[in-house]
Structures are given as structure tokens and as C-alpha cells.
C-alpha atoms as a PDB file:
ATOM      1  CA  MET A   1     -64.830 161.632 150.715  1.00  0.00           C
ATOM      2  CA  THR A   2     -62.662 162.877 147.836  1.00  0.00           C
ATOM      3  CA  PHE A   3     -60.708 165.038 150.254  1.00  0.00           C
ATOM      4  CA  LEU A   4     -59.959 162.066 152.490  1.00  0.00           C
ATOM      5  CA  PHE A   5     -58.798 160.019 149.507  1.00  0.00           C
ATOM      6  CA  LEU A   6     -56.451 162.866 148.439  1.00  0.00           C
ATOM      7  CA  ILE A   7     -55.035 163.109 151.960  1.00  0.00           C
ATOM      8  CA  PHE A   8     -54.511 159.322 151.994  1.00  0.00           C
ATOM      9  CA  ILE A   9     -52.629 159.353 148.637  1.00  0.00           C
ATOM     10  CA  LEU A  10     -50.418 162.279 149.701  1.00  0.00           C
ATOM     11  CA  ALA A  11     -49.631 160.589 153.031  1.00  0.00           C
ATOM     12  CA  LEU A  12     -48.730 157.385 151.255  1.00  0.00           C
ATOM     13  CA  ILE A  13     -46.377 159.241 148.883  1.00  0.00           C
ATOM     14  CA  ALA A  14     -44.809 161.079 151.822  1.00  0.00           C
ATOM     15  CA  ILE A  15     -44.244 157.821 153.765  1.00  0.00           C
ATOM     16  CA  VAL A  16     -42.595 156.090 150.775  1.00  0.00           C
ATOM     17  CA  THR A  17     -40.392 159.134 150.169  1.00  0.00           C
ATOM     18  CA  MET A  18     -39.319 159.347 153.786  1.00  0.00           C
ATOM     19  CA  LYS A  19     -38.486 155.641 153.957  1.00  0.00           C
ATOM     20  CA  THR A  20     -36.466 155.896 150.724  1.00  0.00           C
ATOM     21  CA  MET A  21     -34.497 158.888 152.038  1.00  0.00           C
ATOM     22  CA  LYS A  22     -33.973 157.225 155.399  1.00  0.00           C
ATOM     23  CA  ASN A  23     -32.581 153.988 153.893  1.00  0.00           C
ATOM     24  CA  LYS A  24     -30.672 155.826 151.134  1.00  0.00           C
ATOM     25  CA  ARG A  25     -31.923 153.387 148.505  1.00  0.00           C
ATOM     26  CA  PHE A  26     -32.243 155.602 145.470  1.00  0.00           C
ATOM     27  CA  PRO A  27     -32.327 154.051 141.982  1.00  0.00           C
ATOM     28  CA  SER A  28     -29.120 154.311 139.995  1.00  0.00           C
ATOM     29  CA  ASN A  29     -29.119 156.792 137.152  1.00  0.00           C
ATOM     30  CA  ASN A  30     -25.917 155.591 135.508  1.00  0.00           C
ATOM     31  CA  TYR A  31     -27.770 154.049 132.536  1.00  0.00           C
ATOM     32  CA  THR A  32     -30.111 155.643 130.071  1.00  0.00           C
ATOM     33  CA  PRO A  33     -31.294 154.158 126.761  1.00  0.00           C
ATOM     34  CA  TYR A  34     -30.176 157.406 125.121  1.00  0.00           C
ATOM     35  CA  ASP A  35     -26.546 156.528 125.929  1.00  0.00           C
ATOM     36  CA  GLU A  36     -26.738 153.286 123.921  1.00  0.00           C
ATOM     37  CA  ILE A  37     -28.473 155.026 121.025  1.00  0.00           C
ATOM     38  CA  VAL A  38     -25.813 157.700 120.806  1.00  0.00           C
ATOM     39  CA  SER A  39     -22.881 155.310 121.143  1.00  0.00           C
ATOM     40  CA  GLY A  40     -24.318 153.007 118.464  1.00  0.00           C
ATOM     41  CA  LYS A  41     -24.481 149.812 120.534  1.00  0.00           C
ATOM     42  CA  LYS A  42     -26.577 147.140 118.926  1.00  0.00           C
ATOM     43  CA  GLU A  43     -26.006 144.238 121.268  1.00  0.00           C
ATOM     44  CA  GLY A  44     -29.099 142.142 121.753  1.00  0.00           C
ATOM     45  CA  THR A  45     -31.378 144.216 119.580  1.00  0.00           C
ATOM     46  CA  ASN A  46     -32.279 141.727 116.857  1.00  0.00           C
ATOM     47  CA  HIS A  47     -35.822 142.878 116.120  1.00  0.00           C
ATOM     48  CA  LEU A  48     -35.992 141.286 112.685  1.00  0.00           C
ATOM     49  CA  THR A  49     -37.138 137.706 112.780  1.00  0.00           C
ATOM     50  CA  HIS A  50     -37.170 135.789 109.538  1.00  0.00           C
ATOM     51  CA  TYR A  51     -39.880 133.213 109.105  1.00  0.00           C
ATOM     52  CA  GLU A  52     -40.076 130.444 106.508  1.00  0.00           C
ATOM     53  CA  GLU A  53     -43.268 129.041 105.117  1.00  0.00           C
ATOM     54  CA  LYS A  54     -43.318 125.311 105.032  1.00  0.00           C
ATOM     55  CA  GLN A  55     -45.644 123.449 102.720  1.00  0.00           C
ATOM     56  CA  ASN A  56     -47.042 120.105 103.714  1.00  0.00           C
ATOM     57  CA  ARG A  57     -47.241 117.679 100.797  1.00  0.00           C
END
């Protein structure tokens, strides 16, 4: 049973790989988070949120 499951998973990976190669739809590798870290870009990275306590009187 385990052997059949392994064959099924390997066949599924092979089918997906073949379809990707046939259609030439590979993901772009033009962007990596490392590039932004090295270049010092800080656009949209506001991780600090300031909260105020409000007292009800």
C-alpha cells in the first residue's frame, strides 16, 4: 500500500512538471526579498502600530 502511494505521488509530480515544461509557464525569479533588504527599500513596511488608551469617564 505504501509503495502504491509513493508511485502515485511521484507520478503526480512528474505530470505537473511535464505540463509546466510543455506550457513554458515557469515562475519569475526577478524578485527576491533579499534584493529589497540589501537596497534598503522600506516602502510599505510599517510594522510599528501605535495605540492609544482611551478612558471612559
